């Protein structure tokens, strides 16, 4: 199996960890969630090229917490239903107070 070249993400996404020591395969869920939460369009494209939509979908639909904004973005990018996301269903069953 040929070696995959490491993706080139913006360092600002991983400001709180050692960027040079990221384990792109071992910590795939962490990296995918972080890129979709804080990355820009080129970062998301890079993520999709490296991990593939199936892996990204599996990670984001089972994530314990991602923002509602990220769920909407992922649903649009990956062309799947909001109800496939664990976080979306959890948020619907635990409504917040009205924001004024």
C-alpha atoms as a PDB file:
ATOM      1  CA  UNK A   1       0.000   0.000   0.000  1.00  0.00           C
ATOM      2  CA  UNK A   2       1.522   3.357  -0.986  1.00  0.00           C
ATOM      3  CA  UNK A   3       2.209   5.918   1.714  1.00  0.00           C
ATOM      4  CA  UNK A   4      -0.335   8.760   1.777  1.00  0.00           C
ATOM      5  CA  UNK A   5       1.119  12.247   1.908  1.00  0.00           C
ATOM      6  CA  UNK A   6       0.137  14.110   5.060  1.00  0.00           C
ATOM      7  CA  UNK A   7      -2.564  16.731   4.574  1.00  0.00           C
ATOM      8  CA  UNK A   8      -1.644  20.389   4.916  1.00  0.00           C
ATOM      9  CA  UNK A   9      -4.093  22.066   7.278  1.00  0.00           C
ATOM     10  CA  UNK A  10      -3.934  25.601   8.660  1.00  0.00           C
ATOM     11  CA  UNK A  11      -1.885  25.636  11.864  1.00  0.00           C
ATOM     12  CA  UNK A  12      -4.455  27.935  13.509  1.00  0.00           C
ATOM     13  CA  UNK A  13      -6.981  25.067  13.638  1.00  0.00           C
ATOM     14  CA  UNK A  14      -4.687  23.148  15.975  1.00  0.00           C
ATOM     15  CA  UNK A  15      -3.414  26.081  18.028  1.00  0.00           C
ATOM     16  CA  UNK A  16      -3.687  24.182  21.327  1.00  0.00           C
ATOM     17  CA  UNK A  17      -1.801  20.992  20.380  1.00  0.00           C
ATOM     18  CA  UNK A  18       1.634  20.178  18.971  1.00  0.00           C
ATOM     19  CA  UNK A  19       0.857  20.643  15.281  1.00  0.00           C
ATOM     20  CA  UNK A  20       4.050  18.943  14.106  1.00  0.00           C
ATOM     21  CA  UNK A  21       3.270  15.785  16.114  1.00  0.00           C
ATOM     22  CA  UNK A  22      -0.307  15.260  14.865  1.00  0.00           C
ATOM     23  CA  UNK A  23      -1.090  11.595  14.176  1.00  0.00           C
ATOM     24  CA  UNK A  24      -3.322  11.971  11.119  1.00  0.00           C
ATOM     25  CA  UNK A  25      -4.456   8.344  11.116  1.00  0.00           C
ATOM     26  CA  UNK A  26      -4.425   7.548  14.837  1.00  0.00           C
ATOM     27  CA  UNK A  27      -6.343  10.699  15.795  1.00  0.00           C
ATOM     28  CA  UNK A  28      -8.537  10.925  12.697  1.00  0.00           C
ATOM     29  CA  UNK A  29     -11.752  11.647  14.638  1.00  0.00           C
ATOM     30  CA  UNK A  30     -10.151  14.531  16.552  1.00  0.00           C
ATOM     31  CA  UNK A  31      -8.696  15.999  13.361  1.00  0.00           C
ATOM     32  CA  UNK A  32     -11.902  15.659  11.306  1.00  0.00           C
ATOM     33  CA  UNK A  33     -14.049  17.228  14.037  1.00  0.00           C
ATOM     34  CA  UNK A  34     -11.568  20.068  14.510  1.00  0.00           C
ATOM     35  CA  UNK A  35     -11.275  20.799  10.771  1.00  0.00           C
ATOM     36  CA  UNK A  36     -15.056  20.953  10.340  1.00  0.00           C
ATOM     37  CA  UNK A  37     -15.440  23.107  13.483  1.00  0.00           C
ATOM     38  CA  UNK A  38     -12.642  25.600  12.819  1.00  0.00           C
ATOM     39  CA  UNK A  39     -11.326  25.107   9.291  1.00  0.00           C
ATOM     40  CA  UNK A  40     -12.054  27.081   6.163  1.00  0.00           C
ATOM     41  CA  UNK A  41     -13.075  25.784   2.730  1.00  0.00           C
ATOM     42  CA  UNK A  42      -9.554  24.721   1.639  1.00  0.00           C
ATOM     43  CA  UNK A  43      -9.084  22.852   4.948  1.00  0.00           C
ATOM     44  CA  UNK A  44     -12.378  20.996   4.511  1.00  0.00           C
ATOM     45  CA  UNK A  45     -11.456  20.085   0.926  1.00  0.00           C
ATOM     46  CA  UNK A  46      -8.093  18.772   2.114  1.00  0.00           C
ATOM     47  CA  UNK A  47      -9.821  16.773   4.837  1.00  0.00           C
ATOM     48  CA  UNK A  48     -12.215  15.218   2.310  1.00  0.00           C
ATOM     49  CA  UNK A  49      -9.354  14.296  -0.031  1.00  0.00           C
ATOM     50  CA  UNK A  50      -7.312  12.686   2.745  1.00  0.00           C
ATOM     51  CA  UNK A  51     -10.006  10.845   4.726  1.00  0.00           C
ATOM     52  CA  UNK A  52     -12.810  10.426   2.179  1.00  0.00           C
ATOM     53  CA  UNK A  53     -16.479  11.233   2.698  1.00  0.00           C
ATOM     54  CA  UNK A  54     -17.357   7.826   4.180  1.00  0.00           C
ATOM     55  CA  UNK A  55     -14.843   8.173   7.032  1.00  0.00           C
ATOM     56  CA  UNK A  56     -15.825  11.803   7.645  1.00  0.00           C
ATOM     57  CA  UNK A  57     -19.517  10.921   7.701  1.00  0.00           C
ATOM     58  CA  UNK A  58     -18.879   8.066  10.153  1.00  0.00           C
ATOM     59  CA  UNK A  59     -16.907  10.359  12.483  1.00  0.00           C
ATOM     60  CA  UNK A  60     -19.252  13.362  12.400  1.00  0.00           C
ATOM     61  CA  UNK A  61     -22.530  11.435  12.660  1.00  0.00           C
ATOM     62  CA  UNK A  62     -21.295   9.674  15.812  1.00  0.00           C
ATOM     63  CA  UNK A  63     -19.476  12.619  17.423  1.00  0.00           C
ATOM     64  CA  UNK A  64     -20.390  13.251  21.064  1.00  0.00           C
ATOM     65  CA  UNK A  65     -20.398  17.015  20.501  1.00  0.00           C
ATOM     66  CA  UNK A  66     -20.139  19.292  17.496  1.00  0.00           C
ATOM     67  CA  UNK A  67     -21.854  22.630  17.084  1.00  0.00           C
ATOM     68  CA  UNK A  68     -25.186  22.964  15.321  1.00  0.00           C
ATOM     69  CA  UNK A  69     -23.466  25.130  12.699  1.00  0.00           C
ATOM     70  CA  UNK A  70     -21.011  22.306  11.999  1.00  0.00           C
ATOM     71  CA  UNK A  71     -23.841  19.776  11.753  1.00  0.00           C
ATOM     72  CA  UNK A  72     -25.585  21.936   9.129  1.00  0.00           C
ATOM     73  CA  UNK A  73     -22.307  22.378   7.233  1.00  0.00           C
ATOM     74  CA  UNK A  74     -21.477  18.662   7.315  1.00  0.00           C
ATOM     75  CA  UNK A  75     -25.006  17.742   6.249  1.00  0.00           C
ATOM     76  CA  UNK A  76     -24.737  20.058   3.243  1.00  0.00           C
ATOM     77  CA  UNK A  77     -21.217  18.967   2.288  1.00  0.00           C
ATOM     78  CA  UNK A  78     -21.847  15.248   2.758  1.00  0.00           C
ATOM     79  CA  UNK A  79     -25.438  15.331   1.426  1.00  0.00           C
ATOM     80  CA  UNK A  80     -27.079  13.502   4.309  1.00  0.00           C
ATOM     81  CA  UNK A  81     -29.939  14.159   6.710  1.00  0.00           C
ATOM     82  CA  UNK A  82     -29.587  16.194   9.918  1.00  0.00           C
ATOM     83  CA  UNK A  83     -31.248  13.357  11.820  1.00  0.00           C
ATOM     84  CA  UNK A  84     -28.267  11.096  11.028  1.00  0.00           C
ATOM     85  CA  UNK A  85     -26.150  13.163  13.453  1.00  0.00           C
ATOM     86  CA  UNK A  86     -26.096  12.009  17.054  1.00  0.00           C
ATOM     87  CA  UNK A  87     -25.517  15.604  18.235  1.00  0.00           C
ATOM     88  CA  UNK A  88     -28.506  16.914  16.306  1.00  0.00           C
ATOM     89  CA  UNK A  89     -30.835  14.346  17.863  1.00  0.00           C
ATOM     90  CA  UNK A  90     -29.441  15.021  21.329  1.00  0.00           C
ATOM     91  CA  UNK A  91     -29.948  18.774  20.867  1.00  0.00           C
ATOM     92  CA  UNK A  92     -33.556  18.233  19.769  1.00  0.00           C
ATOM     93  CA  UNK A  93     -34.325  16.222  22.903  1.00  0.00           C
ATOM     94  CA  UNK A  94     -32.638  18.835  25.159  1.00  0.00           C
ATOM     95  CA  UNK A  95     -33.932  22.229  23.978  1.00  0.00           C
ATOM     96  CA  UNK A  96     -32.207  25.349  25.277  1.00  0.00           C
ATOM     97  CA  UNK A  97     -33.916  28.350  26.788  1.00  0.00           C
ATOM     98  CA  UNK A  98     -34.930  31.114  24.396  1.00  0.00           C
ATOM     99  CA  UNK A  99     -32.104  33.463  23.535  1.00  0.00           C
ATOM    100  CA  UNK A 100     -33.198  37.085  23.626  1.00  0.00           C
END
